[in-house]
Amino acid sequence: MEPLRTALTGGLACDVCGRLPHPRRLRLTVAKRLAIFPVEFALHAIVLALHPSYLIAVSALVVVTTALVIWVIEPSTMRLLRSWLHAPRTRPAAGLGALWRIRVTLDDRTGALERLTHHLTDLDANILGLHVHPLDDGVRDELVVSTPDPIDPDSLLTAIEAAGGRDAHAWPTTTLALVDGQTKALSLSARVVGDPGELPHAVAELLGARLVTDHVTLAAPLPADGTVLKIPSPWTGLFAFTRAGEPFTPAESARAHRLAELAELALTRR
């Protein structure tokens, strides 16, 4: 189904957990070096052929290489090598079958979740985790469910829509998705207190979003679809995050802003 495909963040998200890759440092270093080498080789060859002054040559090499790495090479490397950079697909623990992370909007009325549970039970699906985000037009539920191996995402989404669910997305996931949300938030809070500079990365991890570094997006008004979230930076300006196909809920926005306040408080006390 189309929602399943469009939910992936710009083609970078992992096929296992639906989130952006977090590669091992050695793998990422090797990938960047392989991508940068031909560009630097060509750039040095051009500079040597033109014989500019020493200052102009050094400035050109530094500026052009830095710009290419930040805006072209690193994003392209992450996209092309995402399956190698990310951890491989893992099998869930014995007895869990296949694991899925599901996000769906339900009507905020009695029986809506029970109806969803009933339709998932018809697929022998077992709900292992549930998070509820209040919305103006209902509730956004995030579930972790286990199913027998033959169940595919289309079957899950069909059952969810039959139960009255809207804007449903489903991703294969691992047992890491079973980590308690409150525990994860507390761990990220401690990380921000220890190093306020970790704020943007902690928020991105908390929300399963991508940190935006494009200055045009940072300066632009927020889109009406809710897929971009901005929070104040304790240093200057704003941090922006995006999650394609999956709007941020008011509760998620509040959590991100609380982390920003925590980072500012930590900086003040230092």
C-alpha atoms as a PDB file:
ATOM      1  CA  MET A   1       0.000   0.000   0.000  1.00  0.00           C
ATOM      2  CA  GLU A   2       1.099   3.532  -0.763  1.00  0.00           C
ATOM      3  CA  PRO A   3       1.135   4.800   2.891  1.00  0.00           C
ATOM      4  CA  LEU A   4       3.710   2.151   3.724  1.00  0.00           C
ATOM      5  CA  ARG A   5       6.042   3.358   0.988  1.00  0.00           C
ATOM      6  CA  THR A   6       5.580   7.088   1.548  1.00  0.00           C
ATOM      7  CA  ALA A   7       6.229   6.784   5.279  1.00  0.00           C
ATOM      8  CA  LEU A   8       9.908   6.125   4.691  1.00  0.00           C
ATOM      9  CA  THR A   9      11.841   9.310   5.348  1.00  0.00           C
ATOM     10  CA  GLY A  10      13.072  10.488   2.002  1.00  0.00           C
ATOM     11  CA  GLY A  11      14.279   7.019   1.050  1.00  0.00           C
ATOM     12  CA  LEU A  12      16.785   6.936   3.921  1.00  0.00           C
ATOM     13  CA  ALA A  13      14.777   5.091   6.558  1.00  0.00           C
ATOM     14  CA  CYS A  14      15.658   1.556   7.541  1.00  0.00           C
ATOM     15  CA  ASP A  15      13.571  -1.303   6.139  1.00  0.00           C
ATOM     16  CA  VAL A  16      13.772  -3.016   9.556  1.00  0.00           C
ATOM     17  CA  CYS A  17      12.671  -0.285  11.960  1.00  0.00           C
ATOM     18  CA  GLY A  18      11.419   2.480   9.671  1.00  0.00           C
ATOM     19  CA  ARG A  19      13.864   4.983  11.130  1.00  0.00           C
ATOM     20  CA  LEU A  20      17.006   6.688   9.936  1.00  0.00           C
ATOM     21  CA  PRO A  21      20.189   4.565   9.989  1.00  0.00           C
ATOM     22  CA  HIS A  22      22.704   4.799  12.819  1.00  0.00           C
ATOM     23  CA  PRO A  23      25.817   3.219  11.263  1.00  0.00           C
ATOM     24  CA  ARG A  24      28.919   2.084  13.098  1.00  0.00           C
ATOM     25  CA  ARG A  25      31.631   4.735  13.030  1.00  0.00           C
ATOM     26  CA  LEU A  26      34.114   2.600  11.073  1.00  0.00           C
ATOM     27  CA  ARG A  27      31.582   1.772   8.366  1.00  0.00           C
ATOM     28  CA  LEU A  28      30.500   5.396   8.023  1.00  0.00           C
ATOM     29  CA  THR A  29      34.139   6.554   7.850  1.00  0.00           C
ATOM     30  CA  VAL A  30      34.955   4.046   5.112  1.00  0.00           C
ATOM     31  CA  ALA A  31      31.840   4.995   3.141  1.00  0.00           C
ATOM     32  CA  LYS A  32      32.633   8.719   3.347  1.00  0.00           C
ATOM     33  CA  ARG A  33      36.245   8.205   2.317  1.00  0.00           C
ATOM     34  CA  LEU A  34      35.183   6.175  -0.714  1.00  0.00           C
ATOM     35  CA  ALA A  35      32.722   8.891  -1.709  1.00  0.00           C
ATOM     36  CA  ILE A  36      35.070  11.834  -1.083  1.00  0.00           C
ATOM     37  CA  PHE A  37      38.188  10.422  -2.779  1.00  0.00           C
ATOM     38  CA  PRO A  38      37.162  10.887  -6.454  1.00  0.00           C
ATOM     39  CA  VAL A  39      35.845  14.402  -5.738  1.00  0.00           C
ATOM     40  CA  GLU A  40      39.007  15.488  -3.949  1.00  0.00           C
ATOM     41  CA  PHE A  41      41.165  13.867  -6.630  1.00  0.00           C
ATOM     42  CA  ALA A  42      39.407  15.807  -9.402  1.00  0.00           C
ATOM     43  CA  LEU A  43      39.462  19.059  -7.428  1.00  0.00           C
ATOM     44  CA  HIS A  44      43.202  18.829  -6.701  1.00  0.00           C
ATOM     45  CA  ALA A  45      43.888  18.032 -10.345  1.00  0.00           C
ATOM     46  CA  ILE A  46      42.001  21.163 -11.451  1.00  0.00           C
ATOM     47  CA  VAL A  47      43.815  23.362  -8.911  1.00  0.00           C
ATOM     48  CA  LEU A  48      47.232  22.043  -9.975  1.00  0.00           C
ATOM     49  CA  ALA A  49      46.390  22.547 -13.649  1.00  0.00           C
ATOM     50  CA  LEU A  50      45.319  26.187 -13.144  1.00  0.00           C
ATOM     51  CA  HIS A  51      48.283  27.130 -10.886  1.00  0.00           C
ATOM     52  CA  PRO A  52      46.475  29.759  -8.748  1.00  0.00           C
ATOM     53  CA  SER A  53      48.172  31.504  -5.839  1.00  0.00           C
ATOM     54  CA  TYR A  54      48.751  29.516  -2.640  1.00  0.00           C
ATOM     55  CA  LEU A  55      46.009  31.326  -0.668  1.00  0.00           C
ATOM     56  CA  ILE A  56      43.422  30.965  -3.439  1.00  0.00           C
ATOM     57  CA  ALA A  57      44.250  27.279  -3.913  1.00  0.00           C
ATOM     58  CA  VAL A  58      43.909  26.456  -0.203  1.00  0.00           C
ATOM     59  CA  SER A  59      40.695  28.484   0.170  1.00  0.00           C
ATOM     60  CA  ALA A  60      39.118  26.856  -2.877  1.00  0.00           C
ATOM     61  CA  LEU A  61      39.992  23.351  -1.670  1.00  0.00           C
ATOM     62  CA  VAL A  62      38.626  23.955   1.831  1.00  0.00           C
ATOM     63  CA  VAL A  63      35.385  25.697   0.808  1.00  0.00           C
ATOM     64  CA  VAL A  64      34.450  23.419  -2.085  1.00  0.00           C
ATOM     65  CA  THR A  65      35.338  20.185  -0.277  1.00  0.00           C
ATOM     66  CA  THR A  66      33.422  21.173   2.860  1.00  0.00           C
ATOM     67  CA  ALA A  67      30.340  22.196   0.883  1.00  0.00           C
ATOM     68  CA  LEU A  68      30.374  18.987  -1.163  1.00  0.00           C
ATOM     69  CA  VAL A  69      30.745  16.799   1.929  1.00  0.00           C
ATOM     70  CA  ILE A  70      27.918  18.454   3.870  1.00  0.00           C
ATOM     71  CA  TRP A  71      25.332  18.983   1.129  1.00  0.00           C
ATOM     72  CA  VAL A  72      26.091  16.349  -1.504  1.00  0.00           C
ATOM     73  CA  ILE A  73      28.401  13.509  -0.540  1.00  0.00           C
ATOM     74  CA  GLU A  74      27.200  12.588   2.966  1.00  0.00           C
ATOM     75  CA  PRO A  75      23.431  12.495   2.134  1.00  0.00           C
ATOM     76  CA  SER A  76      24.122  10.579  -1.079  1.00  0.00           C
ATOM     77  CA  THR A  77      26.358   8.096   0.733  1.00  0.00           C
ATOM     78  CA  MET A  78      23.730   7.469   3.412  1.00  0.00           C
ATOM     79  CA  ARG A  79      21.088   6.892   0.739  1.00  0.00           C
ATOM     80  CA  LEU A  80      23.101   4.619  -1.554  1.00  0.00           C
ATOM     81  CA  LEU A  81      24.656   2.531   1.212  1.00  0.00           C
ATOM     82  CA  ARG A  82      21.820   2.501   3.749  1.00  0.00           C
ATOM     83  CA  SER A  83      21.490  -1.311   3.753  1.00  0.00           C
ATOM     84  CA  TRP A  84      25.219  -1.657   4.526  1.00  0.00           C
ATOM     85  CA  LEU A  85      25.428   1.211   7.006  1.00  0.00           C
ATOM     86  CA  HIS A  86      22.464   0.100   9.087  1.00  0.00           C
ATOM     87  CA  ALA A  87      22.404  -2.915  11.354  1.00  0.00           C
ATOM     88  CA  PRO A  88      21.179  -6.038   9.525  1.00  0.00           C
ATOM     89  CA  ARG A  89      17.694  -7.439   9.938  1.00  0.00           C
ATOM     90  CA  THR A  90      17.517  -9.453  13.124  1.00  0.00           C
ATOM     91  CA  ARG A  91      15.199 -12.244  14.134  1.00  0.00           C
ATOM     92  CA  PRO A  92      12.980 -11.546  17.148  1.00  0.00           C
ATOM     93  CA  ALA A  93      13.250 -13.599  20.293  1.00  0.00           C
ATOM     94  CA  ALA A  94      11.827 -17.091  20.251  1.00  0.00           C
ATOM     95  CA  GLY A  95       8.038 -17.158  20.507  1.00  0.00           C
ATOM     96  CA  LEU A  96       7.496 -13.585  19.233  1.00  0.00           C
ATOM     97  CA  GLY A  97       7.171 -14.367  15.526  1.00  0.00           C
ATOM     98  CA  ALA A  98       7.425 -11.307  13.280  1.00  0.00           C
ATOM     99  CA  LEU A  99       7.387  -7.874  14.957  1.00  0.00           C
ATOM    100  CA  TRP A 100       5.702  -4.769  13.537  1.00  0.00           C
ATOM    101  CA  ARG A 101       5.552  -1.118  14.530  1.00  0.00           C
ATOM    102  CA  ILE A 102       2.182   0.423  13.657  1.00  0.00           C
ATOM    103  CA  ARG A 103       0.946   4.011  13.803  1.00  0.00           C
ATOM    104  CA  VAL A 104      -2.758   4.656  13.235  1.00  0.00           C
ATOM    105  CA  THR A 105      -5.348   7.359  13.959  1.00  0.00           C
ATOM    106  CA  LEU A 106      -8.535   6.212  15.718  1.00  0.00           C
ATOM    107  CA  ASP A 107     -11.708   7.999  16.771  1.00  0.00           C
ATOM    108  CA  ASP A 108     -11.540   9.083  20.409  1.00  0.00           C
ATOM    109  CA  ARG A 109     -14.580   7.152  21.521  1.00  0.00           C
ATOM    110  CA  THR A 110     -15.389   4.015  23.470  1.00  0.00           C
ATOM    111  CA  GLY A 111     -14.760   0.782  21.610  1.00  0.00           C
ATOM    112  CA  ALA A 112     -12.416   2.131  18.906  1.00  0.00           C
ATOM    113  CA  LEU A 113      -9.310   0.431  20.302  1.00  0.00           C
ATOM    114  CA  GLU A 114     -11.296  -2.709  21.142  1.00  0.00           C
ATOM    115  CA  ARG A 115     -12.468  -2.918  17.518  1.00  0.00           C
ATOM    116  CA  LEU A 116      -8.874  -2.576  16.302  1.00  0.00           C
ATOM    117  CA  THR A 117      -7.726  -5.255  18.732  1.00  0.00           C
ATOM    118  CA  HIS A 118     -10.460  -7.603  17.498  1.00  0.00           C
ATOM    119  CA  HIS A 119      -9.413  -7.231  13.849  1.00  0.00           C
ATOM    120  CA  LEU A 120      -5.750  -7.758  14.718  1.00  0.00           C
ATOM    121  CA  THR A 121      -6.687 -10.865  16.703  1.00  0.00           C
ATOM    122  CA  ASP A 122      -8.190 -12.306  13.519  1.00  0.00           C
ATOM    123  CA  LEU A 123      -4.604 -12.271  12.160  1.00  0.00           C
ATOM    124  CA  ASP A 124      -3.284 -13.932  15.355  1.00  0.00           C
ATOM    125  CA  ALA A 125      -1.555 -10.614  16.126  1.00  0.00           C
ATOM    126  CA  ASN A 126      -0.618  -9.866  19.708  1.00  0.00           C
ATOM    127  CA  ILE A 127      -0.252  -6.256  20.928  1.00  0.00           C
ATOM    128  CA  LEU A 128       2.975  -6.005  22.951  1.00  0.00           C
ATOM    129  CA  GLY A 129       3.223  -2.238  23.356  1.00  0.00           C
ATOM    130  CA  LEU A 130       0.916   0.769  23.059  1.00  0.00           C
ATOM    131  CA  HIS A 131       1.449   4.550  23.087  1.00  0.00           C
ATOM    132  CA  VAL A 132      -1.444   6.991  22.739  1.00  0.00           C
ATOM    133  CA  HIS A 133      -1.049  10.559  21.383  1.00  0.00           C
ATOM    134  CA  PRO A 134      -4.162  12.791  21.688  1.00  0.00           C
ATOM    135  CA  LEU A 135      -5.126  14.734  18.538  1.00  0.00           C
ATOM    136  CA  ASP A 136      -7.826  17.267  17.701  1.00  0.00           C
ATOM    137  CA  ASP A 137      -9.668  14.717  15.544  1.00  0.00           C
ATOM    138  CA  GLY A 138      -9.012  11.551  17.534  1.00  0.00           C
ATOM    139  CA  VAL A 139      -6.001   9.733  18.954  1.00  0.00           C
ATOM    140  CA  ARG A 140      -2.791   8.612  17.274  1.00  0.00           C
ATOM    141  CA  ASP A 141      -1.900   5.149  18.535  1.00  0.00           C
ATOM    142  CA  GLU A 142       1.578   3.652  18.192  1.00  0.00           C
ATOM    143  CA  LEU A 143       1.610  -0.111  18.644  1.00  0.00           C
ATOM    144  CA  VAL A 144       4.169  -2.882  18.607  1.00  0.00           C
ATOM    145  CA  VAL A 145       2.585  -6.184  17.605  1.00  0.00           C
ATOM    146  CA  SER A 146       3.813  -9.700  16.963  1.00  0.00           C
ATOM    147  CA  THR A 147       2.303 -11.821  14.189  1.00  0.00           C
ATOM    148  CA  PRO A 148       2.910 -15.205  12.598  1.00  0.00           C
ATOM    149  CA  ASP A 149       5.668 -14.999   9.961  1.00  0.00           C
ATOM    150  CA  PRO A 150       3.350 -15.289   6.881  1.00  0.00           C
ATOM    151  CA  ILE A 151       1.559 -12.009   7.757  1.00  0.00           C
ATOM    152  CA  ASP A 152       2.600  -9.132   5.498  1.00  0.00           C
ATOM    153  CA  PRO A 153       2.144  -5.346   5.936  1.00  0.00           C
ATOM    154  CA  ASP A 154      -0.729  -5.205   3.444  1.00  0.00           C
ATOM    155  CA  SER A 155      -2.711  -7.671   5.559  1.00  0.00           C
ATOM    156  CA  LEU A 156      -2.078  -5.594   8.664  1.00  0.00           C
ATOM    157  CA  LEU A 157      -3.112  -2.345   6.988  1.00  0.00           C
ATOM    158  CA  THR A 158      -6.256  -3.950   5.554  1.00  0.00           C
ATOM    159  CA  ALA A 159      -7.286  -5.167   9.010  1.00  0.00           C
ATOM    160  CA  ILE A 160      -6.559  -1.750  10.538  1.00  0.00           C
ATOM    161  CA  GLU A 161      -8.657   0.076   7.925  1.00  0.00           C
ATOM    162  CA  ALA A 162     -11.497  -2.431   8.419  1.00  0.00           C
ATOM    163  CA  ALA A 163     -11.438  -1.509  12.123  1.00  0.00           C
ATOM    164  CA  GLY A 164     -11.901   2.175  11.295  1.00  0.00           C
ATOM    165  CA  GLY A 165      -8.233   3.189  11.490  1.00  0.00           C
ATOM    166  CA  ARG A 166      -6.998   6.141   9.414  1.00  0.00           C
ATOM    167  CA  ASP A 167      -3.594   7.171   8.061  1.00  0.00           C
ATOM    168  CA  ALA A 168      -2.117   3.815   9.049  1.00  0.00           C
ATOM    169  CA  HIS A 169       1.534   2.889   8.579  1.00  0.00           C
ATOM    170  CA  ALA A 170       3.274  -0.393   9.415  1.00  0.00           C
ATOM    171  CA  TRP A 171       6.994  -1.205   9.497  1.00  0.00           C
ATOM    172  CA  PRO A 172       8.918  -4.385  10.329  1.00  0.00           C
ATOM    173  CA  THR A 173      10.793  -3.779  13.566  1.00  0.00           C
ATOM    174  CA  THR A 174      12.950  -5.498  16.182  1.00  0.00           C
ATOM    175  CA  THR A 175      12.701  -6.123  19.909  1.00  0.00           C
ATOM    176  CA  LEU A 176      14.320  -2.702  20.455  1.00  0.00           C
ATOM    177  CA  ALA A 177      10.865  -1.247  19.757  1.00  0.00           C
ATOM    178  CA  LEU A 178       9.663  -2.841  22.996  1.00  0.00           C
ATOM    179  CA  VAL A 179      11.766  -0.488  25.108  1.00  0.00           C
ATOM    180  CA  ASP A 180       9.408   1.483  27.336  1.00  0.00           C
ATOM    181  CA  GLY A 181       8.795   4.973  25.924  1.00  0.00           C
ATOM    182  CA  GLN A 182       9.153   6.679  29.301  1.00  0.00           C
ATOM    183  CA  THR A 183      12.444   4.910  29.932  1.00  0.00           C
ATOM    184  CA  LYS A 184      13.731   6.014  26.558  1.00  0.00           C
ATOM    185  CA  ALA A 185      12.671   9.624  27.196  1.00  0.00           C
ATOM    186  CA  LEU A 186      14.410   9.640  30.592  1.00  0.00           C
ATOM    187  CA  SER A 187      17.588   8.200  29.075  1.00  0.00           C
ATOM    188  CA  LEU A 188      17.618  10.891  26.382  1.00  0.00           C
ATOM    189  CA  SER A 189      16.956  13.572  29.001  1.00  0.00           C
ATOM    190  CA  ALA A 190      19.966  12.415  30.990  1.00  0.00           C
ATOM    191  CA  ARG A 191      22.006  12.521  27.803  1.00  0.00           C
ATOM    192  CA  VAL A 192      20.973  16.125  27.139  1.00  0.00           C
ATOM    193  CA  VAL A 193      21.743  17.173  30.718  1.00  0.00           C
ATOM    194  CA  GLY A 194      25.204  15.624  30.429  1.00  0.00           C
ATOM    195  CA  ASP A 195      25.858  17.329  27.080  1.00  0.00           C
ATOM    196  CA  PRO A 196      23.361  19.986  25.887  1.00  0.00           C
ATOM    197  CA  GLY A 197      24.949  19.770  22.446  1.00  0.00           C
ATOM    198  CA  GLU A 198      23.233  16.398  22.079  1.00  0.00           C
ATOM    199  CA  LEU A 199      19.801  18.093  22.020  1.00  0.00           C
ATOM    200  CA  PRO A 200      19.087  17.888  18.255  1.00  0.00           C
ATOM    201  CA  HIS A 201      20.238  14.274  18.045  1.00  0.00           C
ATOM    202  CA  ALA A 202      18.248  13.294  21.148  1.00  0.00           C
ATOM    203  CA  VAL A 203      15.065  14.877  19.765  1.00  0.00           C
ATOM    204  CA  ALA A 204      15.579  13.173  16.396  1.00  0.00           C
ATOM    205  CA  GLU A 205      15.964   9.819  18.137  1.00  0.00           C
ATOM    206  CA  LEU A 206      12.992  10.406  20.449  1.00  0.00           C
ATOM    207  CA  LEU A 207      10.657  11.246  17.566  1.00  0.00           C
ATOM    208  CA  GLY A 208      12.144   8.971  14.900  1.00  0.00           C
ATOM    209  CA  ALA A 209      12.706  12.080  12.776  1.00  0.00           C
ATOM    210  CA  ARG A 210      15.430  13.621  10.627  1.00  0.00           C
ATOM    211  CA  LEU A 211      17.295  16.753  11.689  1.00  0.00           C
ATOM    212  CA  VAL A 212      16.933  19.460   9.026  1.00  0.00           C
ATOM    213  CA  THR A 213      20.088  21.395   8.112  1.00  0.00           C
ATOM    214  CA  ASP A 214      18.712  23.103   5.001  1.00  0.00           C
ATOM    215  CA  HIS A 215      18.593  26.860   5.701  1.00  0.00           C
ATOM    216  CA  VAL A 216      15.653  27.358   3.338  1.00  0.00           C
ATOM    217  CA  THR A 217      13.519  24.900   5.315  1.00  0.00           C
ATOM    218  CA  LEU A 218      14.611  26.442   8.611  1.00  0.00           C
ATOM    219  CA  ALA A 219      13.506  29.902   7.473  1.00  0.00           C
ATOM    220  CA  ALA A 220      10.257  28.796   5.819  1.00  0.00           C
ATOM    221  CA  PRO A 221       6.879  28.742   7.623  1.00  0.00           C
ATOM    222  CA  LEU A 222       5.712  25.422   9.020  1.00  0.00           C
ATOM    223  CA  PRO A 223       3.862  23.304   6.410  1.00  0.00           C
ATOM    224  CA  ALA A 224       0.189  22.623   7.040  1.00  0.00           C
ATOM    225  CA  ASP A 225       0.662  18.836   6.956  1.00  0.00           C
ATOM    226  CA  GLY A 226       2.507  18.855  10.306  1.00  0.00           C
ATOM    227  CA  THR A 227       5.519  16.906   9.052  1.00  0.00           C
ATOM    228  CA  VAL A 228       8.006  19.597  10.144  1.00  0.00           C
ATOM    229  CA  LEU A 229       8.610  20.485  13.795  1.00  0.00           C
ATOM    230  CA  LYS A 230      10.700  23.410  15.030  1.00  0.00           C
ATOM    231  CA  ILE A 231      12.044  23.900  18.551  1.00  0.00           C
ATOM    232  CA  PRO A 232      14.171  26.741  19.979  1.00  0.00           C
ATOM    233  CA  SER A 233      17.910  26.228  20.102  1.00  0.00           C
ATOM    234  CA  PRO A 234      19.573  27.069  23.440  1.00  0.00           C
ATOM    235  CA  TRP A 235      22.364  28.749  21.447  1.00  0.00           C
ATOM    236  CA  THR A 236      20.751  30.603  18.555  1.00  0.00           C
ATOM    237  CA  GLY A 237      17.901  30.242  16.097  1.00  0.00           C
ATOM    238  CA  LEU A 238      15.887  27.053  15.747  1.00  0.00           C
ATOM    239  CA  PHE A 239      16.252  23.328  15.230  1.00  0.00           C
ATOM    240  CA  ALA A 240      13.901  21.759  12.693  1.00  0.00           C
ATOM    241  CA  PHE A 241      12.926  18.115  12.289  1.00  0.00           C
ATOM    242  CA  THR A 242      11.001  16.347   9.558  1.00  0.00           C
ATOM    243  CA  ARG A 243       9.224  13.010   9.340  1.00  0.00           C
ATOM    244  CA  ALA A 244       7.831  12.407   5.861  1.00  0.00           C
ATOM    245  CA  GLY A 245       4.335  10.968   5.741  1.00  0.00           C
ATOM    246  CA  GLU A 246       3.946  11.019   9.530  1.00  0.00           C
ATOM    247  CA  PRO A 247       2.831  14.329  11.127  1.00  0.00           C
ATOM    248  CA  PHE A 248       4.077  15.176  14.608  1.00  0.00           C
ATOM    249  CA  THR A 249       1.448  14.999  17.340  1.00  0.00           C
ATOM    250  CA  PRO A 250       0.950  17.734  19.985  1.00  0.00           C
ATOM    251  CA  ALA A 251       2.343  15.371  22.615  1.00  0.00           C
ATOM    252  CA  GLU A 252       5.504  14.778  20.573  1.00  0.00           C
ATOM    253  CA  SER A 253       5.914  18.525  20.062  1.00  0.00           C
ATOM    254  CA  ALA A 254       5.597  19.085  23.810  1.00  0.00           C
ATOM    255  CA  ARG A 255       8.240  16.443  24.562  1.00  0.00           C
ATOM    256  CA  ALA A 256      10.673  18.001  22.096  1.00  0.00           C
ATOM    257  CA  HIS A 257      10.177  21.460  23.626  1.00  0.00           C
ATOM    258  CA  ARG A 258      10.709  20.087  27.135  1.00  0.00           C
ATOM    259  CA  LEU A 259      14.034  18.612  26.016  1.00  0.00           C
ATOM    260  CA  ALA A 260      14.991  22.029  24.595  1.00  0.00           C
ATOM    261  CA  GLU A 261      14.142  23.673  27.932  1.00  0.00           C
ATOM    262  CA  LEU A 262      16.206  21.034  29.718  1.00  0.00           C
ATOM    263  CA  ALA A 263      19.213  21.753  27.485  1.00  0.00           C
ATOM    264  CA  GLU A 264      18.867  25.506  28.116  1.00  0.00           C
ATOM    265  CA  LEU A 265      18.662  24.937  31.872  1.00  0.00           C
ATOM    266  CA  ALA A 266      21.756  22.715  31.785  1.00  0.00           C
ATOM    267  CA  LEU A 267      23.676  25.392  29.877  1.00  0.00           C
ATOM    268  CA  THR A 268      22.573  28.099  32.328  1.00  0.00           C
ATOM    269  CA  ARG A 269      23.715  26.130  35.363  1.00  0.00           C
ATOM    270  CA  ARG A 270      27.098  25.556  33.787  1.00  0.00           C
END
